[in-house]
């Protein structure tokens, strides 16, 4: 489904303010001198020009801490799902690819009710990029500078106006209800693509990107693993900021009066020493090198085969967060032979 119309910046923001009567609105904003995705009470708080954030928008569907069950000492329990109508506005292609991957992961088997309830209530509006946002970003290396999914509508900026492309019935209905638009001429998307190509044209994807699952499977003993693993501090920062990591732990939080409690889901990190420790104290990935190998293999080997695309979206968050400046890009270049 695709409906293309044009909207001015003024009408765009006015429509978002109008939608606040029916939705919570989350967007790129600035708080205490920090740029982040957060809830806003007015379109005046929205930053349209992108700056890299520490955390990705996945936190709105998969929170860092989430109560999934409440129980009492008499044996009664109640599942807890908090899902409110929400608009996620201004999500960039790398993060949209991240959401697409999480949507697929949490829909596996019987599906995760908490995640899927939030997704059902949400409407995701993307803004396409026409330039590289940061020196650590390498979205173009994994072809995630073009969104493959994860959105209901996409905006393309041209000369102070935006072309709107809808991708779902939810997106089409939202545009019709809240935004005052005008008909597109039909050449706007081609004009934007030329602008984007002028910026990204010289930046090429990994030479053998489609062969990564086979290449990583064949290079388990490559020297780059020990070289980068020796520098890893096992702090887990890379995992906590990654838009496609979805491992979690479950903890029971008992009330002090012992009359009840809650079961909480929390983000977990495979780079932490305790992650692969089992009963009896055995750790199946006891070294930082083994944990780094596991993490990067998830991105470029078995999960890449599962999702049909690299599960590293090249946003650069892990590189910015890593105290040792370890980059999946460097490892991938060595494994593929692109970097000698």
Protein backbone atom coordinates (compact mmCIF):
# COMPACT_ATOMS: atom_id res chain seq x y z
CA UNK A 1 0.00 0.00 0.00
CA UNK A 2 1.38 3.42 -0.93
CA UNK A 3 -0.34 6.79 -0.95
CA UNK A 4 1.89 9.76 -1.77
CA UNK A 5 0.93 13.31 -0.76
CA UNK A 6 2.77 16.52 0.17
CA UNK A 7 2.64 18.37 3.48
CA UNK A 8 4.20 21.63 4.67
CA UNK A 9 6.28 21.70 7.86
CA UNK A 10 3.65 23.92 9.50
CA UNK A 11 0.80 21.54 8.71
CA UNK A 12 2.93 18.58 9.72
CA UNK A 13 3.49 19.95 13.21
CA UNK A 14 -0.07 21.19 13.58
CA UNK A 15 -1.35 17.72 12.72
CA UNK A 16 0.87 16.13 15.36
CA UNK A 17 -0.51 18.55 17.95
CA UNK A 18 -4.01 17.57 16.87
CA UNK A 19 -3.15 13.88 17.29
CA UNK A 20 -2.18 14.49 20.93
CA UNK A 21 -5.88 14.34 21.78
CA UNK A 22 -5.88 10.64 20.83
CA UNK A 23 -2.26 9.48 21.14
CA UNK A 24 0.80 9.79 23.28
CA UNK A 25 3.51 11.29 21.06
CA UNK A 26 7.17 10.24 21.19
CA UNK A 27 9.78 11.92 19.05
CA UNK A 28 13.35 13.16 18.91
CA UNK A 29 13.64 15.91 21.50
CA UNK A 30 16.16 17.63 23.75
CA UNK A 31 16.09 17.41 27.53
CA UNK A 32 18.80 18.67 29.87
CA UNK A 33 21.13 19.25 26.90
CA UNK A 34 20.72 15.64 25.75
CA UNK A 35 19.08 14.54 22.50
CA UNK A 36 16.86 11.49 22.92
CA UNK A 37 13.62 9.84 21.89
CA UNK A 38 11.02 10.68 24.51
CA UNK A 39 7.39 11.63 25.00
CA UNK A 40 6.54 15.25 24.18
CA UNK A 41 3.52 17.40 25.05
CA UNK A 42 3.81 19.66 22.02
CA UNK A 43 5.26 19.57 18.52
CA UNK A 44 7.39 22.56 19.55
CA UNK A 45 9.60 20.14 21.49
CA UNK A 46 10.34 17.98 18.43
CA UNK A 47 13.73 18.11 16.73
CA UNK A 48 13.35 17.44 13.02
CA UNK A 49 17.09 17.45 12.30
CA UNK A 50 18.47 14.13 13.49
CA UNK A 51 21.26 13.74 16.00
CA UNK A 52 22.36 10.29 17.25
CA UNK A 53 20.72 9.16 20.48
CA UNK A 54 22.09 6.88 23.18
CA UNK A 55 19.03 4.59 23.14
CA UNK A 56 16.96 3.57 20.15
CA UNK A 57 13.14 3.72 19.89
CA UNK A 58 12.91 0.01 20.74
CA UNK A 59 12.47 1.09 24.37
CA UNK A 60 8.85 2.07 23.63
CA UNK A 61 7.95 -1.53 22.68
CA UNK A 62 10.56 -3.36 24.78
CA UNK A 63 11.20 -1.25 27.93
CA UNK A 64 14.36 -1.59 29.99
CA UNK A 65 12.24 -2.66 32.99
CA UNK A 66 8.72 -4.00 32.56
CA UNK A 67 6.34 -5.59 35.06
CA UNK A 68 4.71 -8.54 33.32
CA UNK A 69 2.96 -10.19 36.27
CA UNK A 70 1.62 -9.22 39.71
CA UNK A 71 0.83 -11.82 42.38
CA UNK A 72 -0.31 -12.14 45.99
CA UNK A 73 0.44 -14.56 48.82
CA UNK A 74 -2.99 -16.19 48.48
CA UNK A 75 -1.95 -17.64 45.12
CA UNK A 76 -3.70 -15.14 42.89
CA UNK A 77 -1.82 -13.65 39.95
CA UNK A 78 -2.59 -11.18 37.19
CA UNK A 79 -0.71 -10.56 33.99
CA UNK A 80 0.10 -6.93 33.32
CA UNK A 81 0.21 -5.42 29.85
CA UNK A 82 0.51 -1.67 29.44
CA UNK A 83 -0.25 -0.56 25.90
CA UNK A 84 -1.54 2.89 25.05
CA UNK A 85 -2.15 4.51 21.64
CA UNK A 86 1.23 5.99 20.74
CA UNK A 87 2.77 7.73 17.75
CA UNK A 88 6.50 7.23 17.30
CA UNK A 89 7.51 10.11 15.06
CA UNK A 90 10.69 10.80 13.13
CA UNK A 91 12.30 7.36 13.34
CA UNK A 92 15.28 7.01 10.99
CA UNK A 93 15.94 4.12 8.56
CA UNK A 94 18.53 2.32 10.71
CA UNK A 95 16.15 2.26 13.67
CA UNK A 96 13.21 1.32 11.45
CA UNK A 97 15.19 -1.71 10.29
CA UNK A 98 15.86 -2.43 13.95
CA UNK A 99 12.13 -2.30 14.73
CA UNK A 100 11.39 -4.56 11.77
CA UNK A 101 13.79 -7.16 13.15
CA UNK A 102 12.33 -6.91 16.68
CA UNK A 103 8.79 -7.13 15.31
CA UNK A 104 9.71 -10.41 13.64
CA UNK A 105 11.56 -11.74 16.69
CA UNK A 106 8.76 -11.01 19.17
CA UNK A 107 6.12 -12.44 16.82
CA UNK A 108 7.90 -15.82 16.66
CA UNK A 109 6.08 -18.95 17.83
CA UNK A 110 3.13 -17.81 19.99
CA UNK A 111 4.37 -14.23 20.08
CA UNK A 112 5.19 -11.98 23.03
CA UNK A 113 1.89 -10.48 24.27
CA UNK A 114 3.45 -7.41 25.90
CA UNK A 115 5.47 -6.39 22.86
CA UNK A 116 2.75 -7.17 20.35
CA UNK A 117 0.11 -5.26 22.34
CA UNK A 118 2.29 -2.15 22.29
CA UNK A 119 2.99 -2.61 18.59
CA UNK A 120 -0.73 -2.96 17.81
CA UNK A 121 -1.51 0.31 19.60
CA UNK A 122 1.38 2.21 18.00
CA UNK A 123 1.80 4.07 14.75
CA UNK A 124 5.37 4.52 13.50
CA UNK A 125 6.27 7.45 11.26
CA UNK A 126 9.74 7.54 9.77
CA UNK A 127 11.84 10.33 8.30
CA UNK A 128 14.29 9.19 5.64
CA UNK A 129 17.93 10.32 5.83
CA UNK A 130 19.70 12.10 3.02
CA UNK A 131 23.08 12.38 4.74
CA UNK A 132 25.30 10.42 7.12
CA UNK A 133 24.48 11.48 10.67
CA UNK A 134 27.72 10.67 12.50
CA UNK A 135 31.31 9.58 11.96
CA UNK A 136 30.66 6.28 13.76
CA UNK A 137 27.57 5.41 11.72
CA UNK A 138 27.99 2.76 9.03
CA UNK A 139 24.38 2.09 8.03
CA UNK A 140 25.40 2.13 4.37
CA UNK A 141 27.78 -0.80 4.97
CA UNK A 142 24.83 -3.06 5.86
CA UNK A 143 22.29 -1.41 3.53
CA UNK A 144 20.16 -0.16 6.42
CA UNK A 145 20.18 3.45 5.23
CA UNK A 146 17.09 2.34 3.32
CA UNK A 147 14.23 1.13 5.53
CA UNK A 148 12.89 -2.32 4.66
CA UNK A 149 9.92 -2.07 7.00
CA UNK A 150 9.00 -1.22 10.58
CA UNK A 151 6.92 1.86 9.72
CA UNK A 152 3.37 2.90 8.85
CA UNK A 153 4.32 6.10 7.03
CA UNK A 154 7.56 7.62 5.76
CA UNK A 155 8.45 11.27 5.25
CA UNK A 156 10.93 12.55 2.66
CA UNK A 157 12.08 16.15 3.08
CA UNK A 158 12.33 18.38 0.01
CA UNK A 159 12.61 22.17 0.05
CA UNK A 160 10.92 22.69 3.39
CA UNK A 161 8.05 20.32 2.59
CA UNK A 162 7.64 16.59 3.06
CA UNK A 163 6.50 13.85 0.75
CA UNK A 164 4.41 11.32 2.72
CA UNK A 165 4.43 7.68 1.69
CA UNK A 166 2.05 5.42 3.59
CA UNK A 167 2.85 1.76 4.12
CA UNK A 168 -0.16 0.50 6.09
CA UNK A 169 -3.85 1.10 6.61
CA UNK A 170 -3.02 2.66 9.99
CA UNK A 171 -0.67 5.10 8.31
CA UNK A 172 -3.17 5.99 5.59
CA UNK A 173 -5.93 6.65 8.14
CA UNK A 174 -3.65 8.77 10.33
CA UNK A 175 -2.60 10.97 7.41
CA UNK A 176 -6.22 11.44 6.31
CA UNK A 177 -7.44 12.33 9.81
CA UNK A 178 -4.71 14.58 11.19
CA UNK A 179 -2.70 16.09 8.33
CA UNK A 180 -3.72 18.72 5.82
CA UNK A 181 -1.99 17.64 2.61
CA UNK A 182 -1.89 18.37 -1.09
CA UNK A 183 -1.45 16.11 -4.08
CA UNK A 184 2.06 15.12 -5.09
CA UNK A 185 3.30 15.79 -8.61
CA UNK A 186 4.86 12.35 -8.85
CA UNK A 187 8.51 13.40 -9.19
CA UNK A 188 9.21 14.17 -5.51
CA UNK A 189 10.48 10.70 -4.54
CA UNK A 190 12.88 10.64 -7.50
CA UNK A 191 14.13 14.10 -6.51
CA UNK A 192 14.75 12.94 -2.95
CA UNK A 193 16.51 9.79 -4.14
CA UNK A 194 18.90 11.91 -6.22
CA UNK A 195 19.64 14.03 -3.18
CA UNK A 196 20.26 10.96 -1.06
CA UNK A 197 22.42 9.31 -3.70
CA UNK A 198 24.58 12.43 -3.86
CA UNK A 199 25.35 11.99 -0.16
CA UNK A 200 25.56 8.20 0.13
CA UNK A 201 26.70 7.37 -3.41
CA UNK A 202 30.39 7.14 -2.56
CA UNK A 203 29.71 4.97 0.51
CA UNK A 204 29.50 1.32 -0.47
CA UNK A 205 28.16 -1.70 1.42
CA UNK A 206 30.42 -4.53 2.55
CA UNK A 207 31.80 -6.25 -0.54
CA UNK A 208 30.46 -9.67 0.46
CA UNK A 209 27.53 -8.70 2.67
CA UNK A 210 25.17 -11.39 1.34
CA UNK A 211 27.84 -14.03 2.05
CA UNK A 212 28.42 -12.98 5.66
CA UNK A 213 26.68 -15.98 7.31
CA UNK A 214 28.97 -18.39 5.44
CA UNK A 215 32.08 -16.23 5.92
CA UNK A 216 31.54 -15.85 9.68
CA UNK A 217 30.87 -19.59 10.04
CA UNK A 218 34.14 -20.32 8.24
CA UNK A 219 36.23 -17.85 10.28
CA UNK A 220 35.65 -18.87 13.87
CA UNK A 221 39.41 -18.83 14.49
CA UNK A 222 40.21 -15.58 12.69
CA UNK A 223 42.84 -13.49 14.58
CA UNK A 224 40.48 -10.51 14.80
CA UNK A 225 38.46 -12.28 17.52
CA UNK A 226 41.41 -12.52 19.92
CA UNK A 227 42.65 -9.06 18.98
CA UNK A 228 39.35 -7.32 19.72
CA UNK A 229 38.39 -9.67 22.55
CA UNK A 230 41.59 -8.79 24.42
CA UNK A 231 40.46 -5.15 24.49
CA UNK A 232 36.89 -5.87 25.60
CA UNK A 233 36.02 -4.83 29.17
CA UNK A 234 32.83 -6.96 29.33
CA UNK A 235 30.85 -3.94 30.52
CA UNK A 236 27.82 -4.68 28.36
CA UNK A 237 27.44 -1.08 27.16
CA UNK A 238 27.26 -2.17 23.52
CA UNK A 239 24.29 -4.44 24.21
CA UNK A 240 22.34 -1.90 26.23
CA UNK A 241 22.34 0.65 23.39
CA UNK A 242 21.85 -1.79 20.50
CA UNK A 243 18.52 -1.41 18.63
CA UNK A 244 18.37 -5.11 17.69
CA UNK A 245 19.40 -6.85 20.92
CA UNK A 246 16.41 -8.39 22.69
CA UNK A 247 17.75 -10.74 25.38
CA UNK A 248 16.14 -10.31 28.79
CA UNK A 249 16.13 -11.71 32.30
CA UNK A 250 13.16 -12.26 34.62
CA UNK A 251 13.25 -11.30 38.31
CA UNK A 252 10.70 -11.59 41.12
CA UNK A 253 10.39 -8.50 43.29
CA UNK A 254 8.69 -9.49 46.56
CA UNK A 255 6.92 -6.85 48.66
CA UNK A 256 8.48 -6.14 52.06
CA UNK A 257 5.29 -7.29 53.81
CA UNK A 258 5.51 -10.62 51.94
CA UNK A 259 1.88 -10.30 50.87
CA UNK A 260 2.56 -9.91 47.19
CA UNK A 261 5.07 -9.09 44.54
CA UNK A 262 5.70 -8.61 40.87
CA UNK A 263 7.60 -10.34 38.11
CA UNK A 264 9.81 -7.97 36.14
CA UNK A 265 11.44 -8.35 32.74
CA UNK A 266 14.77 -6.53 32.37
CA UNK A 267 17.25 -6.15 29.54
CA UNK A 268 20.16 -8.56 29.75
CA UNK A 269 23.51 -8.54 27.96
CA UNK A 270 25.40 -11.47 26.47
CA UNK A 271 28.65 -9.52 26.90
CA UNK A 272 28.36 -9.76 30.70
CA UNK A 273 30.38 -12.52 32.34
CA UNK A 274 27.36 -13.95 34.18
CA UNK A 275 25.09 -14.20 31.11
CA UNK A 276 26.03 -17.77 30.10
CA UNK A 277 26.57 -19.07 33.65
CA UNK A 278 24.30 -22.00 34.55
CA UNK A 279 23.52 -23.98 37.70
CA UNK A 280 26.69 -25.39 39.22
CA UNK A 281 28.73 -22.40 38.14
CA UNK A 282 29.64 -23.60 34.64
CA UNK A 283 30.06 -20.74 32.15
CA UNK A 284 29.80 -21.66 28.48
CA UNK A 285 31.34 -18.36 27.36
CA UNK A 286 33.85 -17.61 30.09
CA UNK A 287 36.12 -15.30 28.08
CA UNK A 288 35.46 -11.85 26.64
CA UNK A 289 36.60 -13.17 23.26
CA UNK A 290 33.97 -15.93 23.32
CA UNK A 291 31.27 -13.46 24.27
CA UNK A 292 32.30 -10.99 21.57
CA UNK A 293 32.31 -13.80 19.00
CA UNK A 294 28.79 -14.79 20.08
CA UNK A 295 27.47 -11.22 19.90
CA UNK A 296 28.85 -10.41 16.44
CA UNK A 297 27.83 -13.83 15.09
CA UNK A 298 24.25 -13.04 16.07
CA UNK A 299 24.39 -9.96 13.90
CA UNK A 300 26.10 -11.41 10.84
CA UNK A 301 25.58 -15.17 10.93
CA UNK A 302 22.60 -17.13 12.23
CA UNK A 303 20.20 -14.23 12.89
CA UNK A 304 21.12 -12.70 9.55
CA UNK A 305 20.01 -15.93 7.90
CA UNK A 306 16.79 -15.87 9.90
CA UNK A 307 15.81 -12.26 9.13
CA UNK A 308 17.21 -12.02 5.62
CA UNK A 309 19.32 -8.97 6.44
CA UNK A 310 22.22 -7.98 8.67
CA UNK A 311 21.01 -7.73 12.27
CA UNK A 312 23.55 -4.99 12.88
CA UNK A 313 21.93 -1.87 11.40
CA UNK A 314 25.09 0.23 11.50
CA UNK A 315 23.69 2.97 13.75
CA UNK A 316 27.06 3.33 15.51
CA UNK A 317 25.61 3.39 19.02
CA UNK A 318 27.76 0.50 20.25
CA UNK A 319 30.93 2.16 18.93
CA UNK A 320 30.10 5.43 20.68
CA UNK A 321 29.26 3.59 23.93
CA UNK A 322 32.23 1.19 23.94
CA UNK A 323 35.06 2.29 26.24
CA UNK A 324 37.50 0.38 24.02
CA UNK A 325 35.99 1.64 20.72
CA UNK A 326 35.37 -1.90 19.43
CA UNK A 327 33.36 -1.76 16.21
CA UNK A 328 31.38 -4.48 14.40
CA UNK A 329 32.44 -2.73 11.20
CA UNK A 330 36.13 -3.43 11.86
CA UNK A 331 35.44 -7.08 12.67
CA UNK A 332 33.26 -7.54 9.59
CA UNK A 333 35.88 -5.96 7.33
CA UNK A 334 38.50 -8.37 8.63
CA UNK A 335 36.30 -11.45 8.40
CA UNK A 336 35.26 -10.65 4.83
CA UNK A 337 38.81 -9.87 3.75
CA UNK A 338 37.85 -6.30 2.89
CA UNK A 339 40.48 -5.04 5.32
CA UNK A 340 43.87 -6.70 5.03
